[in-house]
Amino acid sequence: MKWILRGLGIFAIVVMAFFLFGYATMYLWNWLIVYLFHLPAIDFKMAIGLVLLSKILFGGIKMNHSGGGWGKRKMWKAKWESMSEDDRNKFQTEFAERCKMKWGNKG
């Protein structure tokens, strides 16, 4: 039951974000672009299309959802477990040195 409510909550947030981005794009376009460049005003459907187009052009379309999170954690865990003890110590030492160079010696 808890996962159903969580799913409905996520769906509601996605729908609200969809309308929010659409109306924000429409408002800003009609407020700025029409005045500055004398282009025609747009409606909500055009604004949604503009948001989707800008997402495709500037944000890309990522079809692979296993790129981060648990997938990467499992990969690094398997890699760590396959290392020898000497390789682990060498890795830890090099990582600590890199952190000291980046953030300074804090301990």
PDB file of N, CA and C in Angstrom:
ATOM      1  N   MET A   1       0.827  -1.201   0.000  1.00  0.00           N
ATOM      2  CA  MET A   1       0.000   0.000   0.000  1.00  0.00           C
ATOM      3  C   MET A   1       0.868   1.260   0.000  1.00  0.00           C
ATOM      4  N   LYS A   2       1.988   1.184   0.748  1.00  0.00           N
ATOM      5  CA  LYS A   2       2.859   2.338   0.851  1.00  0.00           C
ATOM      6  C   LYS A   2       3.481   2.686  -0.505  1.00  0.00           C
ATOM      7  N   TRP A   3       3.845   1.664  -1.288  1.00  0.00           N
ATOM      8  CA  TRP A   3       4.464   1.921  -2.584  1.00  0.00           C
ATOM      9  C   TRP A   3       3.465   2.498  -3.582  1.00  0.00           C
ATOM     10  N   ILE A   4       2.178   2.189  -3.417  1.00  0.00           N
ATOM     11  CA  ILE A   4       1.152   2.768  -4.291  1.00  0.00           C
ATOM     12  C   ILE A   4       1.034   4.268  -4.033  1.00  0.00           C
ATOM     13  N   LEU A   5       1.013   4.648  -2.771  1.00  0.00           N
ATOM     14  CA  LEU A   5       0.942   6.068  -2.434  1.00  0.00           C
ATOM     15  C   LEU A   5       2.185   6.809  -2.898  1.00  0.00           C
ATOM     16  N   ARG A   6       3.328   6.162  -2.752  1.00  0.00           N
ATOM     17  CA  ARG A   6       4.571   6.788  -3.202  1.00  0.00           C
ATOM     18  C   ARG A   6       4.542   6.983  -4.716  1.00  0.00           C
ATOM     19  N   GLY A   7       4.069   5.971  -5.442  1.00  0.00           N
ATOM     20  CA  GLY A   7       3.970   6.072  -6.896  1.00  0.00           C
ATOM     21  C   GLY A   7       3.004   7.158  -7.325  1.00  0.00           C
ATOM     22  N   LEU A   8       1.858   7.249  -6.642  1.00  0.00           N
ATOM     23  CA  LEU A   8       0.895   8.303  -6.960  1.00  0.00           C
ATOM     24  C   LEU A   8       1.464   9.689  -6.666  1.00  0.00           C
ATOM     25  N   GLY A   9       2.224   9.791  -5.584  1.00  0.00           N
ATOM     26  CA  GLY A   9       2.854  11.069  -5.252  1.00  0.00           C
ATOM     27  C   GLY A   9       3.871  11.485  -6.301  1.00  0.00           C
ATOM     28  N   ILE A  10       4.678  10.535  -6.761  1.00  0.00           N
ATOM     29  CA  ILE A  10       5.663  10.840  -7.802  1.00  0.00           C
ATOM     30  C   ILE A  10       4.957  11.223  -9.097  1.00  0.00           C
ATOM     31  N   PHE A  11       3.892  10.497  -9.435  1.00  0.00           N
ATOM     32  CA  PHE A  11       3.120  10.820 -10.641  1.00  0.00           C
ATOM     33  C   PHE A  11       2.531  12.228 -10.545  1.00  0.00           C
ATOM     34  N   ALA A  12       2.001  12.594  -9.375  1.00  0.00           N
ATOM     35  CA  ALA A  12       1.423  13.923  -9.193  1.00  0.00           C
ATOM     36  C   ALA A  12       2.493  15.012  -9.338  1.00  0.00           C
ATOM     37  N   ILE A  13       3.687  14.760  -8.821  1.00  0.00           N
ATOM     38  CA  ILE A  13       4.777  15.729  -8.941  1.00  0.00           C
ATOM     39  C   ILE A  13       5.189  15.893 -10.399  1.00  0.00           C
ATOM     40  N   VAL A  14       5.260  14.788 -11.134  1.00  0.00           N
ATOM     41  CA  VAL A  14       5.627  14.846 -12.553  1.00  0.00           C
ATOM     42  C   VAL A  14       4.584  15.638 -13.343  1.00  0.00           C
ATOM     43  N   VAL A  15       3.307  15.389 -13.077  1.00  0.00           N
ATOM     44  CA  VAL A  15       2.239  16.111 -13.782  1.00  0.00           C
ATOM     45  C   VAL A  15       2.292  17.601 -13.452  1.00  0.00           C
ATOM     46  N   MET A  16       2.487  17.932 -12.174  1.00  0.00           N
ATOM     47  CA  MET A  16       2.578  19.346 -11.790  1.00  0.00           C
ATOM     48  C   MET A  16       3.797  20.005 -12.435  1.00  0.00           C
ATOM     49  N   ALA A  17       4.937  19.314 -12.487  1.00  0.00           N
ATOM     50  CA  ALA A  17       6.132  19.876 -13.122  1.00  0.00           C
ATOM     51  C   ALA A  17       5.899  20.089 -14.608  1.00  0.00           C
ATOM     52  N   PHE A  18       5.196  19.155 -15.250  1.00  0.00           N
ATOM     53  CA  PHE A  18       4.864  19.270 -16.669  1.00  0.00           C
ATOM     54  C   PHE A  18       4.087  20.558 -16.929  1.00  0.00           C
ATOM     55  N   PHE A  19       3.037  20.793 -16.147  1.00  0.00           N
ATOM     56  CA  PHE A  19       2.238  22.004 -16.324  1.00  0.00           C
ATOM     57  C   PHE A  19       3.012  23.253 -15.924  1.00  0.00           C
ATOM     58  N   LEU A  20       3.797  23.168 -14.867  1.00  0.00           N
ATOM     59  CA  LEU A  20       4.579  24.314 -14.412  1.00  0.00           C
ATOM     60  C   LEU A  20       5.584  24.753 -15.474  1.00  0.00           C
ATOM     61  N   PHE A  21       6.339  23.786 -16.021  1.00  0.00           N
ATOM     62  CA  PHE A  21       7.308  24.132 -17.056  1.00  0.00           C
ATOM     63  C   PHE A  21       6.611  24.669 -18.308  1.00  0.00           C
ATOM     64  N   GLY A  22       5.488  24.089 -18.657  1.00  0.00           N
ATOM     65  CA  GLY A  22       4.756  24.568 -19.826  1.00  0.00           C
ATOM     66  C   GLY A  22       4.276  25.995 -19.659  1.00  0.00           C
ATOM     67  N   TYR A  23       3.650  26.277 -18.525  1.00  0.00           N
ATOM     68  CA  TYR A  23       3.139  27.633 -18.298  1.00  0.00           C
ATOM     69  C   TYR A  23       4.267  28.645 -18.094  1.00  0.00           C
ATOM     70  N   ALA A  24       5.346  28.232 -17.444  1.00  0.00           N
ATOM     71  CA  ALA A  24       6.480  29.145 -17.272  1.00  0.00           C
ATOM     72  C   ALA A  24       7.098  29.488 -18.618  1.00  0.00           C
ATOM     73  N   THR A  25       7.254  28.490 -19.486  1.00  0.00           N
ATOM     74  CA  THR A  25       7.795  28.739 -20.819  1.00  0.00           C
ATOM     75  C   THR A  25       6.870  29.647 -21.623  1.00  0.00           C
ATOM     76  N   MET A  26       5.577  29.363 -21.577  1.00  0.00           N
ATOM     77  CA  MET A  26       4.616  30.177 -22.312  1.00  0.00           C
ATOM     78  C   MET A  26       4.637  31.626 -21.809  1.00  0.00           C
ATOM     79  N   TYR A  27       4.634  31.793 -20.485  1.00  0.00           N
ATOM     80  CA  TYR A  27       4.626  33.145 -19.909  1.00  0.00           C
ATOM     81  C   TYR A  27       5.889  33.915 -20.286  1.00  0.00           C
ATOM     82  N   LEU A  28       7.047  33.264 -20.115  1.00  0.00           N
ATOM     83  CA  LEU A  28       8.298  33.961 -20.419  1.00  0.00           C
ATOM     84  C   LEU A  28       8.432  34.270 -21.902  1.00  0.00           C
ATOM     85  N   TRP A  29       8.024  33.342 -22.766  1.00  0.00           N
ATOM     86  CA  TRP A  29       8.071  33.599 -24.205  1.00  0.00           C
ATOM     87  C   TRP A  29       7.188  34.788 -24.551  1.00  0.00           C
ATOM     88  N   ASN A  30       5.945  34.751 -24.091  1.00  0.00           N
ATOM     89  CA  ASN A  30       5.005  35.815 -24.443  1.00  0.00           C
ATOM     90  C   ASN A  30       5.381  37.143 -23.806  1.00  0.00           C
ATOM     91  N   TRP A  31       6.100  37.114 -22.711  1.00  0.00           N
ATOM     92  CA  TRP A  31       6.502  38.345 -22.050  1.00  0.00           C
ATOM     93  C   TRP A  31       7.761  38.932 -22.688  1.00  0.00           C
ATOM     94  N   LEU A  32       8.769  38.077 -22.960  1.00  0.00           N
ATOM     95  CA  LEU A  32      10.052  38.578 -23.438  1.00  0.00           C
ATOM     96  C   LEU A  32      10.219  38.523 -24.957  1.00  0.00           C
ATOM     97  N   ILE A  33      10.021  37.369 -25.540  1.00  0.00           N
ATOM     98  CA  ILE A  33      10.349  37.169 -26.946  1.00  0.00           C
ATOM     99  C   ILE A  33       9.442  37.999 -27.859  1.00  0.00           C
ATOM    100  N   VAL A  34       8.164  38.069 -27.521  1.00  0.00           N
ATOM    101  CA  VAL A  34       7.241  38.863 -28.335  1.00  0.00           C
ATOM    102  C   VAL A  34       7.644  40.334 -28.298  1.00  0.00           C
ATOM    103  N   TYR A  35       8.025  40.817 -27.148  1.00  0.00           N
ATOM    104  CA  TYR A  35       8.400  42.220 -26.989  1.00  0.00           C
ATOM    105  C   TYR A  35       9.770  42.510 -27.612  1.00  0.00           C
ATOM    106  N   LEU A  36      10.746  41.637 -27.363  1.00  0.00           N
ATOM    107  CA  LEU A  36      12.105  41.908 -27.821  1.00  0.00           C
ATOM    108  C   LEU A  36      12.302  41.662 -29.310  1.00  0.00           C
ATOM    109  N   PHE A  37      11.751  40.576 -29.828  1.00  0.00           N
ATOM    110  CA  PHE A  37      12.041  40.184 -31.206  1.00  0.00           C
ATOM    111  C   PHE A  37      10.817  40.235 -32.122  1.00  0.00           C
ATOM    112  N   HIS A  38       9.686  40.640 -31.589  1.00  0.00           N
ATOM    113  CA  HIS A  38       8.443  40.781 -32.353  1.00  0.00           C
ATOM    114  C   HIS A  38       8.028  39.472 -33.028  1.00  0.00           C
ATOM    115  N   LEU A  39       8.233  38.361 -32.316  1.00  0.00           N
ATOM    116  CA  LEU A  39       7.781  37.058 -32.788  1.00  0.00           C
ATOM    117  C   LEU A  39       6.371  36.811 -32.274  1.00  0.00           C
ATOM    118  N   PRO A  40       5.642  35.872 -32.876  1.00  0.00           N
ATOM    119  CA  PRO A  40       4.257  35.645 -32.435  1.00  0.00           C
ATOM    120  C   PRO A  40       4.192  35.009 -31.047  1.00  0.00           C
ATOM    121  N   ALA A  41       3.090  35.260 -30.373  1.00  0.00           N
ATOM    122  CA  ALA A  41       2.857  34.646 -29.067  1.00  0.00           C
ATOM    123  C   ALA A  41       2.565  33.161 -29.250  1.00  0.00           C
ATOM    124  N   ILE A  42       2.825  32.377 -28.203  1.00  0.00           N
ATOM    125  CA  ILE A  42       2.582  30.940 -28.283  1.00  0.00           C
ATOM    126  C   ILE A  42       1.534  30.536 -27.254  1.00  0.00           C
ATOM    127  N   ASP A  43       0.905  29.392 -27.487  1.00  0.00           N
ATOM    128  CA  ASP A  43      -0.058  28.872 -26.529  1.00  0.00           C
ATOM    129  C   ASP A  43       0.596  27.739 -25.729  1.00  0.00           C
ATOM    130  N   PHE A  44      -0.193  27.081 -24.867  1.00  0.00           N
ATOM    131  CA  PHE A  44       0.350  26.070 -23.962  1.00  0.00           C
ATOM    132  C   PHE A  44       0.934  24.885 -24.726  1.00  0.00           C
ATOM    133  N   LYS A  45       0.265  24.416 -25.764  1.00  0.00           N
ATOM    134  CA  LYS A  45       0.769  23.273 -26.536  1.00  0.00           C
ATOM    135  C   LYS A  45       2.110  23.597 -27.178  1.00  0.00           C
ATOM    136  N   MET A  46       2.238  24.787 -27.701  1.00  0.00           N
ATOM    137  CA  MET A  46       3.511  25.180 -28.303  1.00  0.00           C
ATOM    138  C   MET A  46       4.610  25.293 -27.248  1.00  0.00           C
ATOM    139  N   ALA A  47       4.239  25.774 -26.075  1.00  0.00           N
ATOM    140  CA  ALA A  47       5.217  25.886 -25.001  1.00  0.00           C
ATOM    141  C   ALA A  47       5.724  24.513 -24.572  1.00  0.00           C
ATOM    142  N   ILE A  48       4.824  23.534 -24.467  1.00  0.00           N
ATOM    143  CA  ILE A  48       5.235  22.174 -24.126  1.00  0.00           C
ATOM    144  C   ILE A  48       6.150  21.623 -25.210  1.00  0.00           C
ATOM    145  N   GLY A  49       5.806  21.871 -26.460  1.00  0.00           N
ATOM    146  CA  GLY A  49       6.666  21.443 -27.562  1.00  0.00           C
ATOM    147  C   GLY A  49       8.032  22.084 -27.494  1.00  0.00           C
ATOM    148  N   LEU A  50       8.073  23.356 -27.111  1.00  0.00           N
ATOM    149  CA  LEU A  50       9.345  24.061 -26.974  1.00  0.00           C
ATOM    150  C   LEU A  50      10.176  23.480 -25.832  1.00  0.00           C
ATOM    151  N   VAL A  51       9.525  23.143 -24.731  1.00  0.00           N
ATOM    152  CA  VAL A  51      10.234  22.525 -23.607  1.00  0.00           C
ATOM    153  C   VAL A  51      10.809  21.178 -24.023  1.00  0.00           C
ATOM    154  N   LEU A  52      10.003  20.365 -24.706  1.00  0.00           N
ATOM    155  CA  LEU A  52      10.481  19.052 -25.149  1.00  0.00           C
ATOM    156  C   LEU A  52      11.611  19.183 -26.168  1.00  0.00           C
ATOM    157  N   LEU A  53      11.482  20.123 -27.092  1.00  0.00           N
ATOM    158  CA  LEU A  53      12.531  20.340 -28.080  1.00  0.00           C
ATOM    159  C   LEU A  53      13.837  20.775 -27.417  1.00  0.00           C
ATOM    160  N   SER A  54      13.743  21.688 -26.459  1.00  0.00           N
ATOM    161  CA  SER A  54      14.959  22.132 -25.776  1.00  0.00           C
ATOM    162  C   SER A  54      15.575  21.012 -24.951  1.00  0.00           C
ATOM    163  N   LYS A  55      14.744  20.142 -24.381  1.00  0.00           N
ATOM    164  CA  LYS A  55      15.264  18.984 -23.646  1.00  0.00           C
ATOM    165  C   LYS A  55      16.030  18.063 -24.580  1.00  0.00           C
ATOM    166  N   ILE A  56      15.477  17.824 -25.776  1.00  0.00           N
ATOM    167  CA  ILE A  56      16.148  16.959 -26.744  1.00  0.00           C
ATOM    168  C   ILE A  56      17.453  17.595 -27.226  1.00  0.00           C
ATOM    169  N   LEU A  57      17.405  18.881 -27.560  1.00  0.00           N
ATOM    170  CA  LEU A  57      18.587  19.534 -28.115  1.00  0.00           C
ATOM    171  C   LEU A  57      19.684  19.772 -27.087  1.00  0.00           C
ATOM    172  N   PHE A  58      19.316  20.197 -25.902  1.00  0.00           N
ATOM    173  CA  PHE A  58      20.316  20.588 -24.915  1.00  0.00           C
ATOM    174  C   PHE A  58      20.554  19.559 -23.818  1.00  0.00           C
ATOM    175  N   GLY A  59      19.559  18.735 -23.529  1.00  0.00           N
ATOM    176  CA  GLY A  59      19.713  17.770 -22.451  1.00  0.00           C
ATOM    177  C   GLY A  59      19.926  16.356 -22.930  1.00  0.00           C
ATOM    178  N   GLY A  60      19.609  16.093 -24.181  1.00  0.00           N
ATOM    179  CA  GLY A  60      19.746  14.753 -24.719  1.00  0.00           C
ATOM    180  C   GLY A  60      18.627  13.850 -24.228  1.00  0.00           C
ATOM    181  N   ILE A  61      18.584  12.671 -24.815  1.00  0.00           N
ATOM    182  CA  ILE A  61      17.611  11.669 -24.398  1.00  0.00           C
ATOM    183  C   ILE A  61      18.394  10.492 -23.869  1.00  0.00           C
ATOM    184  N   LYS A  62      18.231  10.192 -22.616  1.00  0.00           N
ATOM    185  CA  LYS A  62      18.957   9.097 -21.998  1.00  0.00           C
ATOM    186  C   LYS A  62      18.012   7.917 -21.834  1.00  0.00           C
ATOM    187  N   MET A  63      18.252   6.876 -22.590  1.00  0.00           N
ATOM    188  CA  MET A  63      17.401   5.695 -22.534  1.00  0.00           C
ATOM    189  C   MET A  63      17.904   4.692 -21.509  1.00  0.00           C
ATOM    190  N   ASN A  64      19.172   4.763 -21.133  1.00  0.00           N
ATOM    191  CA  ASN A  64      19.758   3.815 -20.205  1.00  0.00           C
ATOM    192  C   ASN A  64      19.636   4.359 -18.788  1.00  0.00           C
ATOM    193  N   HIS A  65      18.797   3.754 -17.971  1.00  0.00           N
ATOM    194  CA  HIS A  65      18.584   4.243 -16.612  1.00  0.00           C
ATOM    195  C   HIS A  65      19.495   3.570 -15.597  1.00  0.00           C
ATOM    196  N   SER A  66      20.356   2.648 -16.050  1.00  0.00           N
ATOM    197  CA  SER A  66      21.245   1.963 -15.107  1.00  0.00           C
ATOM    198  C   SER A  66      22.599   2.643 -15.043  1.00  0.00           C
ATOM    199  N   GLY A  67      22.700   3.877 -15.482  1.00  0.00           N
ATOM    200  CA  GLY A  67      23.984   4.556 -15.539  1.00  0.00           C
ATOM    201  C   GLY A  67      24.531   4.978 -14.198  1.00  0.00           C
ATOM    202  N   GLY A  68      23.727   5.099 -13.196  1.00  0.00           N
ATOM    203  CA  GLY A  68      24.222   5.544 -11.906  1.00  0.00           C
ATOM    204  C   GLY A  68      23.544   4.800 -10.786  1.00  0.00           C
ATOM    205  N   GLY A  69      23.766   5.269  -9.596  1.00  0.00           N
ATOM    206  CA  GLY A  69      23.089   4.683  -8.452  1.00  0.00           C
ATOM    207  C   GLY A  69      23.583   3.296  -8.121  1.00  0.00           C
ATOM    208  N   TRP A  70      22.659   2.366  -7.971  1.00  0.00           N
ATOM    209  CA  TRP A  70      22.981   1.020  -7.506  1.00  0.00           C
ATOM    210  C   TRP A  70      23.825   0.251  -8.512  1.00  0.00           C
ATOM    211  N   GLY A  71      23.645   0.501  -9.801  1.00  0.00           N
ATOM    212  CA  GLY A  71      24.425  -0.208 -10.803  1.00  0.00           C
ATOM    213  C   GLY A  71      25.907   0.072 -10.667  1.00  0.00           C
ATOM    214  N   LYS A  72      26.250   1.342 -10.495  1.00  0.00           N
ATOM    215  CA  LYS A  72      27.656   1.710 -10.321  1.00  0.00           C
ATOM    216  C   LYS A  72      28.191   1.196  -8.996  1.00  0.00           C
ATOM    217  N   ARG A  73      27.377   1.229  -7.970  1.00  0.00           N
ATOM    218  CA  ARG A  73      27.818   0.751  -6.659  1.00  0.00           C
ATOM    219  C   ARG A  73      28.159  -0.734  -6.718  1.00  0.00           C
ATOM    220  N   LYS A  74      27.319  -1.510  -7.396  1.00  0.00           N
ATOM    221  CA  LYS A  74      27.581  -2.946  -7.524  1.00  0.00           C
ATOM    222  C   LYS A  74      28.849  -3.194  -8.329  1.00  0.00           C
ATOM    223  N   MET A  75      29.048  -2.398  -9.386  1.00  0.00           N
ATOM    224  CA  MET A  75      30.237  -2.565 -10.210  1.00  0.00           C
ATOM    225  C   MET A  75      31.498  -2.303  -9.396  1.00  0.00           C
ATOM    226  N   TRP A  76      31.523  -1.198  -8.627  1.00  0.00           N
ATOM    227  CA  TRP A  76      32.696  -0.869  -7.836  1.00  0.00           C
ATOM    228  C   TRP A  76      32.907  -1.872  -6.708  1.00  0.00           C
ATOM    229  N   LYS A  77      31.821  -2.382  -6.138  1.00  0.00           N
ATOM    230  CA  LYS A  77      31.953  -3.383  -5.087  1.00  0.00           C
ATOM    231  C   LYS A  77      32.579  -4.661  -5.639  1.00  0.00           C
ATOM    232  N   ALA A  78      32.126  -5.080  -6.817  1.00  0.00           N
ATOM    233  CA  ALA A  78      32.699  -6.275  -7.440  1.00  0.00           C
ATOM    234  C   ALA A  78      34.167  -6.050  -7.784  1.00  0.00           C
ATOM    235  N   LYS A  79      34.490  -4.860  -8.261  1.00  0.00           N
ATOM    236  CA  LYS A  79      35.882  -4.558  -8.593  1.00  0.00           C
ATOM    237  C   LYS A  79      36.747  -4.569  -7.335  1.00  0.00           C
ATOM    238  N   TRP A  80      36.244  -3.985  -6.252  1.00  0.00           N
ATOM    239  CA  TRP A  80      36.975  -3.944  -4.992  1.00  0.00           C
ATOM    240  C   TRP A  80      37.217  -5.355  -4.454  1.00  0.00           C
ATOM    241  N   GLU A  81      36.195  -6.198  -4.537  1.00  0.00           N
ATOM    242  CA  GLU A  81      36.328  -7.558  -4.022  1.00  0.00           C
ATOM    243  C   GLU A  81      37.271  -8.408  -4.861  1.00  0.00           C
ATOM    244  N   SER A  82      37.424  -8.052  -6.154  1.00  0.00           N
ATOM    245  CA  SER A  82      38.331  -8.824  -7.002  1.00  0.00           C
ATOM    246  C   SER A  82      39.782  -8.374  -6.873  1.00  0.00           C
ATOM    247  N   MET A  83      40.038  -7.268  -6.169  1.00  0.00           N
ATOM    248  CA  MET A  83      41.410  -6.769  -5.995  1.00  0.00           C
ATOM    249  C   MET A  83      42.139  -7.580  -4.942  1.00  0.00           C
ATOM    250  N   SER A  84      43.440  -7.653  -5.116  1.00  0.00           N
ATOM    251  CA  SER A  84      44.256  -8.279  -4.070  1.00  0.00           C
ATOM    252  C   SER A  84      44.433  -7.267  -2.935  1.00  0.00           C
ATOM    253  N   GLU A  85      44.954  -7.758  -1.837  1.00  0.00           N
ATOM    254  CA  GLU A  85      45.155  -6.875  -0.675  1.00  0.00           C
ATOM    255  C   GLU A  85      46.143  -5.759  -0.989  1.00  0.00           C
ATOM    256  N   ASP A  86      47.190  -6.083  -1.750  1.00  0.00           N
ATOM    257  CA  ASP A  86      48.180  -5.063  -2.135  1.00  0.00           C
ATOM    258  C   ASP A  86      47.555  -4.005  -3.046  1.00  0.00           C
ATOM    259  N   ASP A  87      46.715  -4.456  -3.996  1.00  0.00           N
ATOM    260  CA  ASP A  87      46.045  -3.496  -4.882  1.00  0.00           C
ATOM    261  C   ASP A  87      45.111  -2.583  -4.109  1.00  0.00           C
ATOM    262  N   ARG A  88      44.412  -3.130  -3.107  1.00  0.00           N
ATOM    263  CA  ARG A  88      43.518  -2.305  -2.288  1.00  0.00           C
ATOM    264  C   ARG A  88      44.289  -1.242  -1.528  1.00  0.00           C
ATOM    265  N   ASN A  89      45.397  -1.641  -0.920  1.00  0.00           N
ATOM    266  CA  ASN A  89      46.215  -0.679  -0.167  1.00  0.00           C
ATOM    267  C   ASN A  89      46.774   0.401  -1.082  1.00  0.00           C
ATOM    268  N   LYS A  90      47.247  -0.008  -2.272  1.00  0.00           N
ATOM    269  CA  LYS A  90      47.768   0.960  -3.235  1.00  0.00           C
ATOM    270  C   LYS A  90      46.674   1.942  -3.656  1.00  0.00           C
ATOM    271  N   PHE A  91      45.467   1.428  -3.932  1.00  0.00           N
ATOM    272  CA  PHE A  91      44.345   2.274  -4.313  1.00  0.00           C
ATOM    273  C   PHE A  91      43.999   3.260  -3.208  1.00  0.00           C
ATOM    274  N   GLN A  92      43.920   2.772  -1.969  1.00  0.00           N
ATOM    275  CA  GLN A  92      43.584   3.652  -0.844  1.00  0.00           C
ATOM    276  C   GLN A  92      44.624   4.746  -0.669  1.00  0.00           C
ATOM    277  N   THR A  93      45.895   4.393  -0.808  1.00  0.00           N
ATOM    278  CA  THR A  93      46.963   5.381  -0.646  1.00  0.00           C
ATOM    279  C   THR A  93      46.888   6.446  -1.734  1.00  0.00           C
ATOM    280  N   GLU A  94      46.719   6.012  -2.982  1.00  0.00           N
ATOM    281  CA  GLU A  94      46.634   6.973  -4.087  1.00  0.00           C
ATOM    282  C   GLU A  94      45.399   7.858  -3.964  1.00  0.00           C
ATOM    283  N   PHE A  95      44.282   7.279  -3.551  1.00  0.00           N
ATOM    284  CA  PHE A  95      43.058   8.058  -3.390  1.00  0.00           C
ATOM    285  C   PHE A  95      43.226   9.105  -2.286  1.00  0.00           C
ATOM    286  N   ALA A  96      43.844   8.701  -1.177  1.00  0.00           N
ATOM    287  CA  ALA A  96      44.078   9.649  -0.078  1.00  0.00           C
ATOM    288  C   ALA A  96      44.991  10.785  -0.520  1.00  0.00           C
ATOM    289  N   GLU A  97      46.005  10.473  -1.317  1.00  0.00           N
ATOM    290  CA  GLU A  97      46.910  11.515  -1.807  1.00  0.00           C
ATOM    291  C   GLU A  97      46.187  12.488  -2.734  1.00  0.00           C
ATOM    292  N   ARG A  98      45.335  11.967  -3.594  1.00  0.00           N
ATOM    293  CA  ARG A  98      44.580  12.843  -4.490  1.00  0.00           C
ATOM    294  C   ARG A  98      43.632  13.753  -3.718  1.00  0.00           C
ATOM    295  N   CYS A  99      43.025  13.216  -2.667  1.00  0.00           N
ATOM    296  CA  CYS A  99      42.120  14.043  -1.867  1.00  0.00           C
ATOM    297  C   CYS A  99      42.880  15.125  -1.130  1.00  0.00           C
ATOM    298  N   LYS A 100      44.084  14.823  -0.656  1.00  0.00           N
ATOM    299  CA  LYS A 100      44.891  15.836   0.024  1.00  0.00           C
ATOM    300  C   LYS A 100      45.267  16.951  -0.931  1.00  0.00           C
ATOM    301  N   MET A 101      45.590  16.598  -2.184  1.00  0.00           N
ATOM    302  CA  MET A 101      45.962  17.628  -3.160  1.00  0.00           C
ATOM    303  C   MET A 101      44.771  18.513  -3.494  1.00  0.00           C
ATOM    304  N   LYS A 102      43.594  17.928  -3.554  1.00  0.00           N
ATOM    305  CA  LYS A 102      42.415  18.706  -3.944  1.00  0.00           C
ATOM    306  C   LYS A 102      41.874  19.558  -2.802  1.00  0.00           C
ATOM    307  N   TRP A 103      41.769  18.986  -1.615  1.00  0.00           N
ATOM    308  CA  TRP A 103      41.131  19.680  -0.501  1.00  0.00           C
ATOM    309  C   TRP A 103      42.098  20.076   0.603  1.00  0.00           C
ATOM    310  N   GLY A 104      43.351  19.774   0.459  1.00  0.00           N
ATOM    311  CA  GLY A 104      44.319  20.106   1.483  1.00  0.00           C
ATOM    312  C   GLY A 104      44.369  19.029   2.549  1.00  0.00           C
ATOM    313  N   ASN A 105      45.360  19.097   3.357  1.00  0.00           N
ATOM    314  CA  ASN A 105      45.542  18.090   4.403  1.00  0.00           C
ATOM    315  C   ASN A 105      44.648  18.451   5.591  1.00  0.00           C
ATOM    316  N   LYS A 106      43.595  17.667   5.798  1.00  0.00           N
ATOM    317  CA  LYS A 106      42.647  17.959   6.875  1.00  0.00           C
ATOM    318  C   LYS A 106      42.657  16.835   7.898  1.00  0.00           C
ATOM    319  N   GLY A 107      43.768  16.411   8.276  1.00  0.00           N
ATOM    320  CA  GLY A 107      43.764  15.407   9.319  1.00  0.00           C
ATOM    321  C   GLY A 107      44.779  14.433   9.108  1.00  0.00           C
TER     322      GLY A 107
END
